[in-house]
Amino acid sequence: MKRIVVFMIALYSFGMYRCTPETAGRWSEEKANDWYAKQEWPIGINYITSTAINQFEMWQEETFDPETIDRELGWAEDLGFNTVRIFLHDMVWEADPEGFRQRLDKFLGICQDHKMKAIVTFFTNGGRFENPKLGPQPESIPGVHNSQWIQSPGSAKVNDPQAWPILERYVKDILTVHANDDRILLWCLYNEPENLKLGAESLPLLRAVFKWGREVNPSQPLTAPIWLLPGSQGTRTALDIVSFVGEHSDVMSFHCYYEPEVMETFIKMLKRFNRPLICTEYMGRPRSTFEDIMPILKREHVGATSWGLVAGKCNFHLQWSSKAGDPEPDVWFHDIFRVDGTPYSQAEVDFIREMTVNKSSVGQDTTTVNK
């Protein structure tokens, strides 16, 4: 706890909690909270179809799988979920902009059919980037969690401003087409910008993508998630990146795969921004379960998308530390269903349905925030 207090003091010195004047183009606290008050409780999943190994297979024409998407989002709808977070990829757009737009529109239409809205993610530092190529993708490695996920745009482009013009066209194209699309809940411009372990110096591109977003000025809010609890043991949090995210996001988003105590601390810290909160990644059994975490998120009016829906090619149900050849664990890490729609745990599915029966407007009452 002492580390967290010290870290928060440091954030004040960086101006992280400055509320006035507002960053140019950033939504005011009032606008952000008014927007959130009009939403149902955003509750759902991070999603990639079970037939895709990565973002390439999710969005390329030859592997885009609307039938499976429709079936699997039907299972999500049956759980009471209303939100689905997705990851795009710049290389798929660059190769076929028109086809990419059509497939994204098709996906959003399926979401609408299932009464779900999308959180759309452009860039991510998570995953690998070892000269990926479009077309047929490597096979899933049995026993290995998420063996073929791909960074976007990859550290070489992240660190090279000369490569950004095509990224700007990509981001602005998608934002412009869907600027007033009520099938989209919000835009996640850059996932895990603090995740620097593969050499991506993210802050300059993070600044640029927020600038591009403000220039388009979509009707939906813009955000980037805080990856780790600031000041927590073992954190690799970059203070300048966290400060930028805190000063430029319309709604605050964050990730937390840890115990209820950590989730409670994270929420308390972020409530100081007096903005809506959305946990865009959570739930990693056994330390972070639906039964332990969902009640906290609902009570605190925090939107939530857990990681994974169907145990498919990505092997999200395996632990992060899993190794090639490992058997299926007795306790799954992520995911909720097998590919045939059978729940991993019927008791868990029943609990989720109980929690999602009432998703009425959850606008935050920021007057009660403990400052």
Protein backbone atom coordinates (compact mmCIF):
# COMPACT_ATOMS: atom_id res chain seq x y z
CA MET A 1 0.00 0.00 0.00
CA LYS A 2 2.87 2.40 0.78
CA ARG A 3 4.17 1.97 -2.80
CA ILE A 4 0.73 2.89 -4.16
CA VAL A 5 0.46 6.02 -2.00
CA VAL A 6 3.93 7.17 -3.08
CA PHE A 7 3.02 6.50 -6.71
CA MET A 8 -0.18 8.55 -6.44
CA ILE A 9 1.76 11.48 -5.01
CA ALA A 10 4.09 11.24 -8.01
CA LEU A 11 1.11 11.29 -10.33
CA TYR A 12 -0.06 14.54 -8.81
CA SER A 13 3.34 16.07 -9.56
CA PHE A 14 2.90 15.08 -13.19
CA GLY A 15 -0.50 16.75 -13.25
CA MET A 16 -2.28 13.45 -13.72
CA TYR A 17 -5.34 14.53 -11.78
CA ARG A 18 -5.66 17.98 -13.34
CA CYS A 19 -9.27 18.50 -14.32
CA THR A 20 -9.04 22.08 -15.63
CA PRO A 21 -8.46 23.23 -18.21
CA GLU A 22 -9.73 20.21 -20.15
CA THR A 23 -7.43 18.72 -22.77
CA ALA A 24 -8.42 20.16 -26.14
CA GLY A 25 -11.19 18.03 -27.60
CA ARG A 26 -11.45 15.80 -24.57
CA TRP A 27 -14.95 15.25 -23.27
CA SER A 28 -15.77 17.14 -20.10
CA GLU A 29 -16.49 15.13 -16.96
CA GLU A 30 -20.15 16.17 -17.30
CA LYS A 31 -20.41 14.98 -20.91
CA ALA A 32 -18.70 11.67 -20.12
CA ASN A 33 -20.94 10.97 -17.14
CA ASP A 34 -24.08 12.01 -19.03
CA TRP A 35 -23.12 9.58 -21.79
CA TYR A 36 -22.60 6.77 -19.29
CA ALA A 37 -25.89 7.47 -17.55
CA LYS A 38 -27.67 6.67 -20.82
CA GLN A 39 -26.02 3.24 -21.15
CA GLU A 40 -26.98 -0.11 -19.75
CA TRP A 41 -24.29 -1.59 -17.56
CA PRO A 42 -21.65 -2.50 -20.19
CA ILE A 43 -20.96 -6.16 -19.47
CA GLY A 44 -19.47 -8.68 -21.86
CA ILE A 45 -16.36 -10.29 -23.28
CA ASN A 46 -13.17 -9.73 -25.25
CA TYR A 47 -13.88 -11.73 -28.36
CA ILE A 48 -12.18 -13.55 -31.18
CA THR A 49 -14.02 -16.34 -32.95
CA SER A 50 -13.00 -19.84 -31.87
CA THR A 51 -11.95 -20.62 -35.46
CA ALA A 52 -9.33 -17.84 -35.55
CA ILE A 53 -5.79 -18.06 -34.19
CA ASN A 54 -5.22 -14.28 -34.26
CA GLN A 55 -6.50 -10.96 -35.62
CA PHE A 56 -5.44 -11.90 -39.17
CA GLU A 57 -7.69 -14.96 -39.23
CA MET A 58 -10.46 -12.98 -37.55
CA TRP A 59 -10.59 -10.33 -40.30
CA GLN A 60 -9.07 -11.74 -43.52
CA GLU A 61 -11.64 -12.54 -46.21
CA GLU A 62 -10.66 -16.20 -46.51
CA THR A 63 -11.03 -16.89 -42.78
CA PHE A 64 -13.69 -14.38 -41.69
CA ASP A 65 -16.37 -16.62 -40.18
CA PRO A 66 -19.75 -14.86 -39.73
CA GLU A 67 -21.62 -18.12 -39.11
CA THR A 68 -19.46 -18.98 -36.11
CA ILE A 69 -19.53 -15.38 -34.91
CA ASP A 70 -23.33 -15.38 -35.04
CA ARG A 71 -23.56 -18.65 -33.13
CA GLU A 72 -21.04 -17.67 -30.45
CA LEU A 73 -22.44 -14.18 -29.89
CA GLY A 74 -25.80 -15.88 -29.49
CA TRP A 75 -24.33 -17.73 -26.52
CA ALA A 76 -23.01 -14.43 -25.18
CA GLU A 77 -26.43 -12.82 -25.57
CA ASP A 78 -27.98 -15.74 -23.70
CA LEU A 79 -25.70 -14.94 -20.76
CA GLY A 80 -27.09 -11.41 -20.69
CA PHE A 81 -23.97 -9.81 -22.15
CA ASN A 82 -24.39 -6.60 -24.13
CA THR A 83 -20.79 -5.66 -24.95
CA VAL A 84 -18.06 -7.24 -27.06
CA ARG A 85 -14.50 -5.94 -27.29
CA ILE A 86 -12.62 -6.66 -30.51
CA PHE A 87 -9.10 -6.16 -31.86
CA LEU A 88 -8.55 -4.95 -35.42
CA HIS A 89 -5.24 -5.07 -37.32
CA ASP A 90 -3.68 -2.39 -39.52
CA MET A 91 -2.10 -4.89 -41.93
CA VAL A 92 -5.44 -6.45 -42.85
CA TRP A 93 -6.91 -3.00 -43.52
CA GLU A 94 -3.87 -1.92 -45.55
CA ALA A 95 -4.13 -4.97 -47.81
CA ASP A 96 -7.86 -4.57 -48.49
CA PRO A 97 -9.47 -1.43 -47.02
CA GLU A 98 -12.86 -1.87 -48.68
CA GLY A 99 -13.12 -5.57 -47.84
CA PHE A 100 -12.02 -4.88 -44.28
CA ARG A 101 -14.71 -2.21 -43.89
CA GLN A 102 -17.33 -4.60 -45.23
CA ARG A 103 -16.34 -7.37 -42.84
CA LEU A 104 -16.28 -5.01 -39.86
CA ASP A 105 -19.74 -3.76 -40.84
CA LYS A 106 -20.93 -7.36 -41.09
CA PHE A 107 -19.56 -8.09 -37.63
CA LEU A 108 -21.27 -5.02 -36.17
CA GLY A 109 -24.52 -6.12 -37.79
CA ILE A 110 -24.24 -9.48 -36.04
CA CYS A 111 -23.59 -7.66 -32.77
CA GLN A 112 -26.73 -5.60 -33.31
CA ASP A 113 -28.75 -8.75 -34.00
CA HIS A 114 -27.67 -9.98 -30.58
CA LYS A 115 -28.31 -6.66 -28.82
CA MET A 116 -24.60 -6.08 -28.26
CA LYS A 117 -22.35 -3.05 -28.78
CA ALA A 118 -18.65 -3.17 -29.65
CA ILE A 119 -15.56 -1.71 -28.04
CA VAL A 120 -13.18 -1.39 -31.00
CA THR A 121 -9.42 -1.62 -30.38
CA PHE A 122 -6.92 -0.36 -32.98
CA PHE A 123 -3.40 -0.95 -31.65
CA THR A 124 -1.98 -3.35 -29.07
CA ASN A 125 1.45 -4.10 -27.62
CA GLY A 126 0.27 -7.49 -26.43
CA GLY A 127 1.31 -10.57 -28.39
CA ARG A 128 4.12 -11.34 -30.84
CA PHE A 129 5.43 -9.65 -33.98
CA GLU A 130 7.96 -11.89 -35.66
CA ASN A 131 7.56 -10.89 -39.30
CA PRO A 132 3.87 -11.82 -39.51
CA LYS A 133 2.46 -12.38 -42.97
CA LEU A 134 -1.07 -12.19 -44.24
CA GLY A 135 -2.63 -15.36 -45.62
CA PRO A 136 -2.51 -18.77 -43.94
CA GLN A 137 -1.43 -18.50 -40.33
CA PRO A 138 0.66 -20.81 -38.12
CA GLU A 139 -1.24 -23.57 -36.39
CA SER A 140 -2.20 -23.33 -32.76
CA ILE A 141 0.42 -24.90 -30.49
CA PRO A 142 -1.30 -27.53 -28.32
CA GLY A 143 -0.93 -26.71 -24.65
CA VAL A 144 0.18 -23.09 -25.18
CA HIS A 145 -1.95 -20.09 -24.25
CA ASN A 146 -2.48 -17.66 -27.14
CA SER A 147 0.52 -18.78 -29.18
CA GLN A 148 -0.05 -16.67 -32.32
CA TRP A 149 -1.54 -13.32 -31.22
CA ILE A 150 -0.05 -10.42 -33.17
CA GLN A 151 1.02 -6.96 -32.05
CA SER A 152 -0.37 -4.01 -34.01
CA PRO A 153 1.45 -2.28 -35.54
CA GLY A 154 4.54 -3.93 -33.99
CA SER A 155 7.43 -2.21 -32.22
CA ALA A 156 9.35 -1.34 -35.41
CA LYS A 157 6.46 0.80 -36.67
CA VAL A 158 5.60 2.06 -33.20
CA ASN A 159 9.13 3.44 -32.92
CA ASP A 160 9.32 4.84 -36.49
CA PRO A 161 7.26 8.01 -37.16
CA GLN A 162 7.99 7.58 -40.87
CA ALA A 163 5.66 4.58 -40.80
CA TRP A 164 2.78 6.46 -39.20
CA PRO A 165 1.06 8.08 -42.24
CA ILE A 166 -0.49 4.73 -43.24
CA LEU A 167 -1.50 4.15 -39.62
CA GLU A 168 -3.15 7.56 -39.54
CA ARG A 169 -5.14 6.78 -42.69
CA TYR A 170 -6.22 3.46 -41.21
CA VAL A 171 -7.40 4.91 -37.90
CA LYS A 172 -9.14 7.89 -39.48
CA ASP A 173 -10.82 5.74 -42.12
CA ILE A 174 -12.44 3.43 -39.57
CA LEU A 175 -13.28 6.25 -37.16
CA THR A 176 -14.83 8.35 -39.92
CA VAL A 177 -16.97 5.53 -41.33
CA HIS A 178 -18.33 4.68 -37.88
CA ALA A 179 -18.22 8.11 -36.21
CA ASN A 180 -21.96 8.08 -35.57
CA ASP A 181 -22.52 4.32 -35.45
CA ASP A 182 -24.58 3.44 -32.38
CA ARG A 183 -23.41 -0.18 -32.69
CA ILE A 184 -20.08 1.00 -31.27
CA LEU A 185 -19.88 1.76 -27.55
CA LEU A 186 -16.41 3.33 -27.49
CA TRP A 187 -13.00 3.33 -29.15
CA CYS A 188 -9.96 1.79 -27.47
CA LEU A 189 -7.22 3.56 -29.39
CA TYR A 190 -4.19 1.73 -27.99
CA ASN A 191 -4.25 -1.40 -25.85
CA GLU A 192 -1.59 -1.80 -23.15
CA PRO A 193 0.62 1.15 -24.16
CA GLU A 194 2.56 0.58 -20.91
CA ASN A 195 3.50 -2.94 -22.03
CA LEU A 196 7.01 -2.13 -23.25
CA LYS A 197 8.55 -5.58 -22.88
CA LEU A 198 8.99 -6.10 -26.64
CA GLY A 199 10.64 -2.75 -27.26
CA ALA A 200 7.70 -0.56 -28.25
CA GLU A 201 8.27 3.02 -27.05
CA SER A 202 4.58 3.74 -27.06
CA LEU A 203 4.08 7.30 -25.85
CA PRO A 204 4.75 9.16 -29.13
CA LEU A 205 2.35 6.94 -31.11
CA LEU A 206 -0.15 7.08 -28.24
CA ARG A 207 -0.09 10.89 -28.46
CA ALA A 208 -0.51 10.71 -32.23
CA VAL A 209 -3.46 8.31 -32.22
CA PHE A 210 -5.34 10.45 -29.70
CA LYS A 211 -4.66 13.47 -31.94
CA TRP A 212 -6.05 11.56 -34.95
CA GLY A 213 -9.08 10.55 -32.93
CA ARG A 214 -9.78 14.14 -31.85
CA GLU A 215 -9.48 15.32 -35.43
CA VAL A 216 -12.22 12.90 -36.49
CA ASN A 217 -14.22 13.68 -33.33
CA PRO A 218 -16.53 10.63 -33.28
CA SER A 219 -19.72 10.59 -31.24
CA GLN A 220 -18.36 7.75 -29.09
CA PRO A 221 -15.77 8.28 -26.33
CA LEU A 222 -12.05 7.58 -26.72
CA THR A 223 -9.91 5.66 -24.24
CA ALA A 224 -6.75 3.63 -23.67
CA PRO A 225 -6.50 1.22 -20.74
CA ILE A 226 -4.14 1.40 -17.80
CA TRP A 227 -2.45 -1.99 -17.88
CA LEU A 228 -1.35 -2.56 -14.27
CA LEU A 229 -2.30 -1.12 -10.91
CA PRO A 230 0.03 1.89 -10.51
CA GLY A 231 2.53 1.30 -7.76
CA SER A 232 1.69 -2.37 -7.28
CA GLN A 233 4.40 -4.91 -6.56
CA GLY A 234 6.34 -5.81 -9.69
CA THR A 235 4.67 -3.17 -11.84
CA ARG A 236 6.36 -2.06 -15.06
CA THR A 237 4.02 0.90 -15.34
CA ALA A 238 5.45 3.84 -17.27
CA LEU A 239 4.50 6.98 -15.37
CA ASP A 240 4.48 9.26 -18.42
CA ILE A 241 2.14 6.90 -20.30
CA VAL A 242 -0.24 6.54 -17.35
CA SER A 243 -0.25 10.32 -16.95
CA PHE A 244 -1.09 10.84 -20.61
CA VAL A 245 -3.90 8.29 -20.52
CA GLY A 246 -5.30 9.91 -17.39
CA GLU A 247 -5.31 13.35 -18.98
CA HIS A 248 -6.71 12.39 -22.40
CA SER A 249 -9.21 9.54 -22.05
CA ASP A 250 -12.90 10.46 -22.14
CA VAL A 251 -13.71 7.44 -19.97
CA MET A 252 -11.15 5.66 -17.85
CA SER A 253 -10.42 2.03 -18.74
CA PHE A 254 -8.11 -0.47 -17.09
CA HIS A 255 -7.15 -4.15 -16.83
CA CYS A 256 -7.17 -6.27 -13.69
CA TYR A 257 -6.71 -10.05 -13.54
CA TYR A 258 -6.07 -10.07 -9.83
CA GLU A 259 -7.85 -10.71 -6.55
CA PRO A 260 -10.88 -8.72 -5.34
CA GLU A 261 -8.70 -6.58 -3.06
CA VAL A 262 -6.62 -5.40 -6.03
CA MET A 263 -9.75 -4.68 -8.08
CA GLU A 264 -11.20 -2.64 -5.20
CA THR A 265 -7.98 -0.63 -4.89
CA PHE A 266 -7.78 0.00 -8.65
CA ILE A 267 -11.38 1.24 -8.78
CA LYS A 268 -10.90 3.51 -5.77
CA MET A 269 -7.82 5.05 -7.37
CA LEU A 270 -9.47 5.65 -10.74
CA LYS A 271 -12.66 7.11 -9.27
CA ARG A 272 -10.60 10.21 -8.51
CA PHE A 273 -10.94 11.11 -12.18
CA ASN A 274 -14.72 11.56 -11.74
CA ARG A 275 -15.30 9.79 -15.05
CA PRO A 276 -16.98 6.51 -16.02
CA LEU A 277 -14.83 3.44 -15.43
CA ILE A 278 -14.65 0.36 -17.66
CA CYS A 279 -12.52 -2.66 -16.87
CA THR A 280 -11.79 -3.86 -20.40
CA GLU A 281 -9.96 -7.02 -19.29
CA TYR A 282 -10.51 -9.18 -16.20
CA MET A 283 -11.16 -12.77 -15.03
CA GLY A 284 -8.32 -15.26 -14.81
CA ARG A 285 -9.25 -18.26 -12.70
CA PRO A 286 -8.57 -19.23 -9.98
CA ARG A 287 -7.45 -15.91 -8.46
CA SER A 288 -9.95 -13.76 -10.41
CA THR A 289 -13.37 -15.34 -10.93
CA PHE A 290 -16.75 -14.13 -12.10
CA GLU A 291 -18.19 -14.94 -8.68
CA ASP A 292 -15.61 -12.78 -6.89
CA ILE A 293 -15.24 -9.89 -9.33
CA MET A 294 -18.59 -9.28 -11.08
CA PRO A 295 -20.39 -8.20 -7.87
CA ILE A 296 -17.69 -5.58 -7.25
CA LEU A 297 -17.91 -4.20 -10.78
CA LYS A 298 -21.70 -4.06 -10.71
CA ARG A 299 -21.82 -2.47 -7.26
CA GLU A 300 -19.30 0.20 -8.30
CA HIS A 301 -21.00 0.87 -11.68
CA VAL A 302 -17.86 -0.23 -13.54
CA GLY A 303 -18.28 -1.57 -17.08
CA ALA A 304 -16.60 -4.92 -17.62
CA THR A 305 -15.43 -7.20 -20.42
CA SER A 306 -13.87 -10.46 -19.30
CA TRP A 307 -11.28 -12.17 -21.50
CA GLY A 308 -12.52 -14.95 -23.74
CA LEU A 309 -15.78 -16.64 -24.64
CA VAL A 310 -15.19 -19.97 -26.42
CA ALA A 311 -12.15 -22.23 -25.91
CA GLY A 312 -10.93 -22.29 -29.50
CA LYS A 313 -7.67 -22.05 -31.44
CA CYS A 314 -6.21 -19.37 -29.16
CA ASN A 315 -6.28 -21.64 -26.09
CA PHE A 316 -7.31 -18.82 -23.80
CA HIS A 317 -8.54 -21.43 -21.33
CA LEU A 318 -4.93 -22.36 -20.57
CA GLN A 319 -2.77 -20.50 -18.06
CA TRP A 320 -0.38 -17.78 -19.26
CA SER A 321 2.47 -20.04 -18.09
CA SER A 322 1.29 -23.10 -20.02
CA LYS A 323 3.81 -25.01 -22.13
CA ALA A 324 3.62 -27.07 -25.31
CA GLY A 325 1.99 -30.42 -24.66
CA ASP A 326 0.34 -29.41 -21.40
CA PRO A 327 -3.04 -31.11 -20.90
CA GLU A 328 -6.28 -29.22 -20.42
CA PRO A 329 -6.28 -27.98 -16.81
CA ASP A 330 -9.01 -28.86 -14.36
CA VAL A 331 -9.42 -25.12 -13.71
CA TRP A 332 -9.67 -23.05 -16.88
CA PHE A 333 -7.94 -19.68 -16.97
CA HIS A 334 -10.22 -17.77 -19.40
CA ASP A 335 -13.22 -18.65 -21.62
CA ILE A 336 -16.72 -19.77 -20.70
CA PHE A 337 -17.83 -22.34 -23.30
CA ARG A 338 -16.45 -25.27 -25.24
CA VAL A 339 -16.79 -25.09 -29.03
CA ASP A 340 -20.06 -27.06 -28.91
CA GLY A 341 -21.60 -24.51 -26.53
CA THR A 342 -21.24 -26.63 -23.40
CA PRO A 343 -20.36 -24.41 -20.41
CA TYR A 344 -17.06 -24.94 -18.65
CA SER A 345 -19.09 -24.54 -15.45
CA GLN A 346 -22.88 -24.58 -15.36
CA ALA A 347 -22.84 -23.00 -11.90
CA GLU A 348 -20.70 -20.15 -13.25
CA VAL A 349 -23.04 -19.60 -16.21
CA ASP A 350 -26.02 -19.55 -13.85
CA PHE A 351 -24.25 -16.95 -11.71
CA ILE A 352 -23.48 -14.74 -14.71
CA ARG A 353 -27.12 -14.82 -15.79
CA GLU A 354 -28.22 -13.80 -12.29
CA MET A 355 -25.79 -10.86 -12.38
CA THR A 356 -26.92 -9.64 -15.80
CA VAL A 357 -30.68 -9.77 -15.26
CA ASN A 358 -30.70 -6.07 -14.34
CA LYS A 359 -28.45 -3.91 -16.55
CA SER A 360 -30.36 -0.65 -16.09
CA SER A 361 -28.61 2.69 -16.48
CA VAL A 362 -25.52 2.85 -14.28
CA GLY A 363 -24.40 6.48 -14.50
CA GLN A 364 -21.92 7.27 -11.77
CA ASP A 365 -22.77 9.56 -8.88
CA THR A 366 -19.38 11.25 -8.66
CA THR A 367 -20.44 13.33 -5.67
CA THR A 368 -19.78 10.32 -3.45
CA VAL A 369 -16.20 9.77 -4.54
CA ASN A 370 -13.84 9.77 -1.59
CA LYS A 371 -11.24 12.36 -2.43
